[in-house]
Amino acid sequence: MLSHRQSKKGSEFYSEYQRWKAMKRRCFYKSDKHFKDYGQRGITVCERWMKFENFIQDMGKCPHGYSLDRIDNDGDYSPDNCRWASKIQQATNKRNVVMIEYNSQILPASIVAKLNGIKRSTFSMRIKYGWSYLDAATRRK
């Protein structure tokens, strides 16, 4: 059985096995500190991924520095809703990230501000003073 062998540090899929276990803990164990953001919200793991072998078959090896990410934050952990994501992708794929339309693309408002040379502190203050996210991210003065 693949999953038992992967529980040993140094095994081929050890890192992926740890991520798989953490995914299940977030969704099913009320004692997990992240349960409120996952299982309590109704996020679950598809039946196929209850077996580690299937998870690895669908996801493959995790690239160095990447982590498991749900594309739709309200969706379950499943092959069609998950990817290995970089830290930047993870940071911009959160429930609290405000997305705006800019140059015919939907982007995080903070990224639009950065693209326009707006400092993070300036952007934050503008929002605090009631500016729209688009204006705060794009207006020069």
N, C-alpha and C. Protein backbone atom coordinates (compact mmCIF):
# COMPACT_ATOMS: atom_id res chain seq x y z
N MET A 1 0.86 -1.19 0.00
CA MET A 1 0.00 0.00 0.00
C MET A 1 0.89 1.24 0.00
N LEU A 2 0.69 2.11 -0.94
CA LEU A 2 1.52 3.29 -1.12
C LEU A 2 1.51 4.22 0.09
N SER A 3 0.34 4.50 0.68
CA SER A 3 0.25 5.49 1.75
C SER A 3 1.07 5.12 2.98
N HIS A 4 1.10 3.85 3.37
CA HIS A 4 1.87 3.47 4.55
C HIS A 4 3.36 3.70 4.33
N ARG A 5 3.86 3.37 3.14
CA ARG A 5 5.28 3.57 2.84
C ARG A 5 5.65 5.05 2.84
N GLN A 6 4.71 5.92 2.48
CA GLN A 6 5.02 7.34 2.35
C GLN A 6 5.02 8.07 3.69
N SER A 7 4.63 7.39 4.75
CA SER A 7 4.61 8.04 6.06
C SER A 7 6.01 8.17 6.65
N LYS A 8 6.99 7.53 6.03
CA LYS A 8 8.37 7.59 6.52
C LYS A 8 9.12 8.74 5.86
N LYS A 9 9.75 9.58 6.68
CA LYS A 9 10.51 10.71 6.17
C LYS A 9 11.58 10.20 5.19
N GLY A 10 11.72 10.90 4.09
CA GLY A 10 12.69 10.50 3.09
C GLY A 10 12.11 9.63 1.99
N SER A 11 10.86 9.18 2.15
CA SER A 11 10.25 8.37 1.10
C SER A 11 9.89 9.25 -0.09
N GLU A 12 9.64 8.64 -1.23
CA GLU A 12 9.44 9.37 -2.49
C GLU A 12 8.33 10.42 -2.42
N PHE A 13 7.21 10.07 -1.80
CA PHE A 13 6.07 10.98 -1.75
C PHE A 13 5.77 11.48 -0.33
N TYR A 14 6.78 11.55 0.51
CA TYR A 14 6.58 11.96 1.91
C TYR A 14 5.91 13.34 2.00
N SER A 15 6.41 14.30 1.25
CA SER A 15 5.88 15.67 1.29
C SER A 15 4.41 15.70 0.86
N GLU A 16 4.11 15.01 -0.20
CA GLU A 16 2.73 14.95 -0.68
C GLU A 16 1.82 14.24 0.32
N TYR A 17 2.35 13.21 0.97
CA TYR A 17 1.59 12.47 1.98
C TYR A 17 1.24 13.38 3.15
N GLN A 18 2.19 14.21 3.57
CA GLN A 18 1.94 15.14 4.67
C GLN A 18 0.86 16.15 4.28
N ARG A 19 0.90 16.63 3.06
CA ARG A 19 -0.11 17.59 2.59
C ARG A 19 -1.49 16.92 2.49
N TRP A 20 -1.51 15.67 2.06
CA TRP A 20 -2.76 14.91 1.96
C TRP A 20 -3.38 14.72 3.35
N LYS A 21 -2.55 14.36 4.32
CA LYS A 21 -3.05 14.18 5.69
C LYS A 21 -3.59 15.50 6.24
N ALA A 22 -2.87 16.60 6.00
CA ALA A 22 -3.30 17.92 6.49
C ALA A 22 -4.63 18.33 5.86
N MET A 23 -4.80 18.04 4.58
CA MET A 23 -6.05 18.34 3.87
C MET A 23 -7.21 17.63 4.57
N LYS A 24 -7.03 16.37 4.87
CA LYS A 24 -8.09 15.60 5.52
C LYS A 24 -8.35 16.10 6.94
N ARG A 25 -7.29 16.45 7.67
CA ARG A 25 -7.47 16.98 9.04
C ARG A 25 -8.30 18.27 9.01
N ARG A 26 -7.99 19.18 8.09
CA ARG A 26 -8.73 20.45 8.01
C ARG A 26 -10.21 20.23 7.76
N CYS A 27 -10.53 19.20 7.01
CA CYS A 27 -11.92 18.96 6.63
C CYS A 27 -12.70 18.09 7.61
N PHE A 28 -12.04 17.20 8.32
CA PHE A 28 -12.77 16.19 9.10
C PHE A 28 -12.54 16.21 10.61
N TYR A 29 -11.50 16.87 11.09
CA TYR A 29 -11.19 16.82 12.52
C TYR A 29 -11.49 18.14 13.20
N LYS A 30 -12.54 18.16 14.01
CA LYS A 30 -12.97 19.38 14.69
C LYS A 30 -11.86 19.96 15.57
N SER A 31 -10.94 19.13 16.01
CA SER A 31 -9.86 19.61 16.87
C SER A 31 -8.75 20.31 16.09
N ASP A 32 -8.76 20.20 14.77
CA ASP A 32 -7.73 20.88 13.95
C ASP A 32 -7.98 22.38 14.00
N LYS A 33 -6.92 23.16 14.16
CA LYS A 33 -7.08 24.61 14.32
C LYS A 33 -7.65 25.28 13.07
N HIS A 34 -7.60 24.62 11.91
CA HIS A 34 -8.13 25.19 10.67
C HIS A 34 -9.50 24.65 10.30
N PHE A 35 -10.06 23.77 11.14
CA PHE A 35 -11.35 23.16 10.84
C PHE A 35 -12.44 24.20 10.57
N LYS A 36 -12.43 25.30 11.32
CA LYS A 36 -13.47 26.33 11.17
C LYS A 36 -13.48 26.93 9.76
N ASP A 37 -12.33 26.95 9.11
CA ASP A 37 -12.22 27.52 7.76
C ASP A 37 -12.46 26.48 6.66
N TYR A 38 -12.58 25.23 7.03
CA TYR A 38 -12.73 24.17 6.04
C TYR A 38 -13.95 23.31 6.37
N GLY A 39 -13.78 22.32 7.21
CA GLY A 39 -14.87 21.40 7.52
C GLY A 39 -16.12 22.09 8.03
N GLN A 40 -15.97 23.07 8.90
CA GLN A 40 -17.12 23.78 9.44
C GLN A 40 -17.86 24.56 8.35
N ARG A 41 -17.15 24.97 7.30
CA ARG A 41 -17.76 25.67 6.17
C ARG A 41 -18.35 24.71 5.14
N GLY A 42 -18.19 23.41 5.38
CA GLY A 42 -18.73 22.42 4.46
C GLY A 42 -17.74 21.94 3.40
N ILE A 43 -16.49 22.39 3.49
CA ILE A 43 -15.46 21.93 2.55
C ILE A 43 -15.12 20.49 2.91
N THR A 44 -15.08 19.64 1.91
CA THR A 44 -14.79 18.23 2.14
C THR A 44 -13.79 17.73 1.10
N VAL A 45 -13.48 16.46 1.18
CA VAL A 45 -12.56 15.81 0.26
C VAL A 45 -13.37 14.82 -0.57
N CYS A 46 -13.17 14.84 -1.88
CA CYS A 46 -13.92 13.91 -2.73
C CYS A 46 -13.60 12.47 -2.31
N GLU A 47 -14.53 11.60 -2.56
CA GLU A 47 -14.39 10.20 -2.15
C GLU A 47 -13.13 9.55 -2.74
N ARG A 48 -12.84 9.87 -3.98
CA ARG A 48 -11.67 9.30 -4.65
C ARG A 48 -10.38 9.61 -3.88
N TRP A 49 -10.29 10.80 -3.32
CA TRP A 49 -9.06 11.22 -2.64
C TRP A 49 -8.96 10.74 -1.20
N MET A 50 -9.90 9.95 -0.76
CA MET A 50 -9.77 9.36 0.56
C MET A 50 -8.63 8.34 0.56
N LYS A 51 -8.24 7.88 -0.62
CA LYS A 51 -7.08 6.99 -0.78
C LYS A 51 -5.91 7.81 -1.31
N PHE A 52 -4.80 7.75 -0.62
CA PHE A 52 -3.62 8.52 -1.01
C PHE A 52 -3.16 8.18 -2.43
N GLU A 53 -3.25 6.91 -2.80
CA GLU A 53 -2.82 6.49 -4.13
C GLU A 53 -3.55 7.28 -5.22
N ASN A 54 -4.84 7.50 -5.04
CA ASN A 54 -5.63 8.25 -6.03
C ASN A 54 -5.24 9.73 -6.04
N PHE A 55 -5.00 10.27 -4.86
CA PHE A 55 -4.57 11.67 -4.76
C PHE A 55 -3.28 11.87 -5.56
N ILE A 56 -2.30 11.00 -5.36
CA ILE A 56 -1.02 11.11 -6.07
C ILE A 56 -1.21 10.89 -7.57
N GLN A 57 -2.05 9.96 -7.93
CA GLN A 57 -2.31 9.70 -9.35
C GLN A 57 -2.87 10.96 -10.02
N ASP A 58 -3.74 11.68 -9.34
CA ASP A 58 -4.37 12.87 -9.91
C ASP A 58 -3.47 14.12 -9.83
N MET A 59 -2.76 14.28 -8.74
CA MET A 59 -1.99 15.51 -8.51
C MET A 59 -0.52 15.41 -8.90
N GLY A 60 0.04 14.22 -8.81
CA GLY A 60 1.47 14.07 -9.10
C GLY A 60 2.34 14.66 -8.01
N LYS A 61 3.62 14.77 -8.29
CA LYS A 61 4.58 15.32 -7.32
C LYS A 61 4.35 16.81 -7.15
N CYS A 62 4.56 17.28 -5.94
CA CYS A 62 4.44 18.71 -5.64
C CYS A 62 5.75 19.41 -6.00
N PRO A 63 5.72 20.43 -6.85
CA PRO A 63 6.96 21.16 -7.15
C PRO A 63 7.51 21.82 -5.88
N HIS A 64 8.81 21.95 -5.81
CA HIS A 64 9.45 22.55 -4.65
C HIS A 64 8.90 23.96 -4.40
N GLY A 65 8.53 24.24 -3.15
CA GLY A 65 8.03 25.56 -2.78
C GLY A 65 6.55 25.76 -3.05
N TYR A 66 5.86 24.75 -3.52
CA TYR A 66 4.44 24.86 -3.82
C TYR A 66 3.62 24.15 -2.73
N SER A 67 2.32 24.41 -2.72
CA SER A 67 1.44 23.76 -1.77
C SER A 67 0.09 23.48 -2.44
N LEU A 68 -0.73 22.70 -1.77
CA LEU A 68 -2.03 22.32 -2.30
C LEU A 68 -2.99 23.51 -2.22
N ASP A 69 -3.67 23.80 -3.32
CA ASP A 69 -4.55 24.96 -3.39
C ASP A 69 -5.86 24.57 -4.06
N ARG A 70 -6.97 25.05 -3.48
CA ARG A 70 -8.28 24.88 -4.12
C ARG A 70 -8.52 26.10 -5.00
N ILE A 71 -8.80 25.90 -6.25
CA ILE A 71 -9.01 26.99 -7.19
C ILE A 71 -10.24 27.81 -6.78
N ASP A 72 -11.33 27.13 -6.47
CA ASP A 72 -12.53 27.78 -5.95
C ASP A 72 -12.52 27.56 -4.43
N ASN A 73 -12.36 28.64 -3.68
CA ASN A 73 -12.26 28.54 -2.22
C ASN A 73 -13.50 27.99 -1.54
N ASP A 74 -14.62 28.01 -2.23
CA ASP A 74 -15.84 27.45 -1.67
C ASP A 74 -16.07 26.02 -2.12
N GLY A 75 -15.19 25.52 -2.98
CA GLY A 75 -15.32 24.17 -3.50
C GLY A 75 -14.55 23.16 -2.67
N ASP A 76 -14.82 21.91 -2.93
CA ASP A 76 -14.18 20.82 -2.21
C ASP A 76 -12.79 20.51 -2.77
N TYR A 77 -12.09 19.67 -2.05
CA TYR A 77 -10.82 19.14 -2.54
C TYR A 77 -11.16 18.03 -3.52
N SER A 78 -10.83 18.24 -4.79
CA SER A 78 -11.11 17.26 -5.83
C SER A 78 -10.17 17.54 -7.01
N PRO A 79 -10.01 16.57 -7.91
CA PRO A 79 -9.09 16.75 -9.03
C PRO A 79 -9.38 17.98 -9.89
N ASP A 80 -10.65 18.30 -10.07
CA ASP A 80 -10.98 19.44 -10.93
C ASP A 80 -10.93 20.79 -10.21
N ASN A 81 -10.68 20.79 -8.89
CA ASN A 81 -10.65 22.05 -8.14
C ASN A 81 -9.33 22.27 -7.41
N CYS A 82 -8.34 21.45 -7.67
CA CYS A 82 -7.08 21.59 -6.94
C CYS A 82 -5.88 21.68 -7.88
N ARG A 83 -4.84 22.29 -7.37
CA ARG A 83 -3.59 22.46 -8.11
C ARG A 83 -2.47 22.62 -7.10
N TRP A 84 -1.24 22.44 -7.57
CA TRP A 84 -0.08 22.81 -6.78
C TRP A 84 0.17 24.28 -7.08
N ALA A 85 0.22 25.12 -6.06
CA ALA A 85 0.29 26.56 -6.27
C ALA A 85 1.50 27.17 -5.55
N SER A 86 2.02 28.23 -6.15
CA SER A 86 3.14 28.97 -5.54
C SER A 86 2.61 29.80 -4.37
N LYS A 87 3.51 30.36 -3.59
CA LYS A 87 3.11 31.20 -2.46
C LYS A 87 2.33 32.42 -2.94
N ILE A 88 2.71 32.97 -4.07
CA ILE A 88 2.00 34.15 -4.61
C ILE A 88 0.59 33.75 -5.03
N GLN A 89 0.46 32.61 -5.70
CA GLN A 89 -0.88 32.15 -6.09
C GLN A 89 -1.73 31.92 -4.85
N GLN A 90 -1.15 31.30 -3.83
CA GLN A 90 -1.89 31.04 -2.59
C GLN A 90 -2.33 32.34 -1.94
N ALA A 91 -1.43 33.32 -1.90
CA ALA A 91 -1.73 34.59 -1.23
C ALA A 91 -2.84 35.36 -1.92
N THR A 92 -2.96 35.20 -3.23
CA THR A 92 -3.99 35.94 -3.96
C THR A 92 -5.27 35.13 -4.16
N ASN A 93 -5.29 33.90 -3.68
CA ASN A 93 -6.47 33.05 -3.81
C ASN A 93 -7.08 32.78 -2.44
N LYS A 94 -7.47 33.87 -1.77
CA LYS A 94 -8.08 33.77 -0.45
C LYS A 94 -9.45 34.43 -0.48
N ARG A 95 -10.28 34.05 0.48
CA ARG A 95 -11.63 34.62 0.55
C ARG A 95 -11.62 36.12 0.77
N ASN A 96 -10.60 36.65 1.46
CA ASN A 96 -10.58 38.07 1.79
C ASN A 96 -9.90 38.94 0.73
N VAL A 97 -9.45 38.36 -0.36
CA VAL A 97 -8.80 39.12 -1.42
C VAL A 97 -9.88 39.73 -2.32
N VAL A 98 -9.79 41.04 -2.51
CA VAL A 98 -10.75 41.75 -3.36
C VAL A 98 -10.25 41.72 -4.79
N MET A 99 -11.09 41.21 -5.69
CA MET A 99 -10.75 41.13 -7.10
C MET A 99 -11.44 42.27 -7.85
N ILE A 100 -10.71 42.89 -8.78
CA ILE A 100 -11.28 43.97 -9.59
C ILE A 100 -10.95 43.74 -11.06
N GLU A 101 -11.76 44.35 -11.93
CA GLU A 101 -11.48 44.26 -13.36
C GLU A 101 -10.51 45.39 -13.71
N TYR A 102 -9.44 45.00 -14.38
CA TYR A 102 -8.41 45.97 -14.78
C TYR A 102 -7.81 45.50 -16.10
N ASN A 103 -7.84 46.36 -17.10
CA ASN A 103 -7.33 46.01 -18.44
C ASN A 103 -7.92 44.69 -18.94
N SER A 104 -9.21 44.55 -18.81
CA SER A 104 -9.96 43.36 -19.27
C SER A 104 -9.55 42.07 -18.57
N GLN A 105 -8.97 42.19 -17.38
CA GLN A 105 -8.62 41.02 -16.59
C GLN A 105 -9.19 41.17 -15.18
N ILE A 106 -9.44 40.07 -14.52
CA ILE A 106 -9.85 40.09 -13.12
C ILE A 106 -8.60 39.79 -12.29
N LEU A 107 -8.18 40.76 -11.49
CA LEU A 107 -6.95 40.65 -10.71
C LEU A 107 -7.19 41.09 -9.27
N PRO A 108 -6.35 40.63 -8.34
CA PRO A 108 -6.44 41.14 -6.97
C PRO A 108 -6.14 42.65 -6.96
N ALA A 109 -6.93 43.40 -6.21
CA ALA A 109 -6.75 44.85 -6.16
C ALA A 109 -5.34 45.23 -5.73
N SER A 110 -4.76 44.50 -4.80
CA SER A 110 -3.40 44.81 -4.34
C SER A 110 -2.37 44.64 -5.45
N ILE A 111 -2.59 43.69 -6.34
CA ILE A 111 -1.68 43.49 -7.47
C ILE A 111 -1.82 44.64 -8.47
N VAL A 112 -3.06 45.09 -8.69
CA VAL A 112 -3.29 46.22 -9.58
C VAL A 112 -2.59 47.46 -9.03
N ALA A 113 -2.69 47.68 -7.73
CA ALA A 113 -2.02 48.83 -7.11
C ALA A 113 -0.51 48.74 -7.34
N LYS A 114 0.05 47.57 -7.13
CA LYS A 114 1.49 47.38 -7.32
C LYS A 114 1.88 47.64 -8.77
N LEU A 115 1.08 47.16 -9.71
CA LEU A 115 1.35 47.39 -11.12
C LEU A 115 1.35 48.88 -11.47
N ASN A 116 0.58 49.65 -10.72
CA ASN A 116 0.47 51.08 -10.96
C ASN A 116 1.39 51.92 -10.08
N GLY A 117 2.27 51.26 -9.36
CA GLY A 117 3.24 51.98 -8.53
C GLY A 117 2.64 52.60 -7.28
N ILE A 118 1.49 52.10 -6.85
CA ILE A 118 0.84 52.59 -5.64
C ILE A 118 1.39 51.79 -4.45
N LYS A 119 1.95 52.50 -3.47
CA LYS A 119 2.49 51.82 -2.28
C LYS A 119 1.36 51.12 -1.52
N ARG A 120 1.73 50.04 -0.86
CA ARG A 120 0.77 49.27 -0.06
C ARG A 120 0.10 50.18 0.99
N SER A 121 0.89 51.00 1.66
CA SER A 121 0.35 51.88 2.70
C SER A 121 -0.62 52.91 2.10
N THR A 122 -0.29 53.43 0.92
CA THR A 122 -1.17 54.39 0.25
C THR A 122 -2.48 53.71 -0.14
N PHE A 123 -2.37 52.54 -0.70
CA PHE A 123 -3.55 51.77 -1.10
C PHE A 123 -4.45 51.52 0.12
N SER A 124 -3.86 51.08 1.22
CA SER A 124 -4.63 50.78 2.44
C SER A 124 -5.33 52.02 2.98
N MET A 125 -4.63 53.16 3.01
CA MET A 125 -5.22 54.40 3.51
C MET A 125 -6.37 54.85 2.63
N ARG A 126 -6.22 54.71 1.34
CA ARG A 126 -7.30 55.10 0.43
C ARG A 126 -8.56 54.28 0.68
N ILE A 127 -8.38 53.01 0.90
CA ILE A 127 -9.53 52.14 1.21
C ILE A 127 -10.16 52.57 2.52
N LYS A 128 -9.32 52.85 3.51
CA LYS A 128 -9.79 53.29 4.83
C LYS A 128 -10.63 54.57 4.71
N TYR A 129 -10.24 55.45 3.79
CA TYR A 129 -10.97 56.71 3.61
C TYR A 129 -12.13 56.61 2.63
N GLY A 130 -12.47 55.40 2.22
CA GLY A 130 -13.68 55.19 1.44
C GLY A 130 -13.52 55.18 -0.07
N TRP A 131 -12.30 55.18 -0.57
CA TRP A 131 -12.10 55.11 -2.01
C TRP A 131 -12.58 53.74 -2.51
N SER A 132 -12.98 53.67 -3.77
CA SER A 132 -13.29 52.37 -4.35
C SER A 132 -11.96 51.63 -4.54
N TYR A 133 -12.03 50.32 -4.60
CA TYR A 133 -10.80 49.54 -4.79
C TYR A 133 -10.12 49.89 -6.11
N LEU A 134 -10.91 50.10 -7.16
CA LEU A 134 -10.34 50.44 -8.45
C LEU A 134 -9.62 51.78 -8.40
N ASP A 135 -10.27 52.80 -7.81
CA ASP A 135 -9.62 54.11 -7.70
C ASP A 135 -8.37 54.03 -6.82
N ALA A 136 -8.47 53.35 -5.72
CA ALA A 136 -7.33 53.24 -4.80
C ALA A 136 -6.14 52.56 -5.46
N ALA A 137 -6.41 51.67 -6.38
CA ALA A 137 -5.35 50.91 -7.03
C ALA A 137 -4.80 51.58 -8.29
N THR A 138 -5.54 52.57 -8.83
CA THR A 138 -5.13 53.10 -10.12
C THR A 138 -4.89 54.61 -10.18
N ARG A 139 -5.54 55.37 -9.28
CA ARG A 139 -5.41 56.83 -9.37
C ARG A 139 -4.07 57.30 -8.86
N ARG A 140 -3.45 58.18 -9.61
CA ARG A 140 -2.12 58.68 -9.25
C ARG A 140 -2.20 59.72 -8.14
N LYS A 141 -3.24 60.50 -8.05
CA LYS A 141 -3.40 61.50 -6.96
C LYS A 141 -4.84 61.74 -6.68
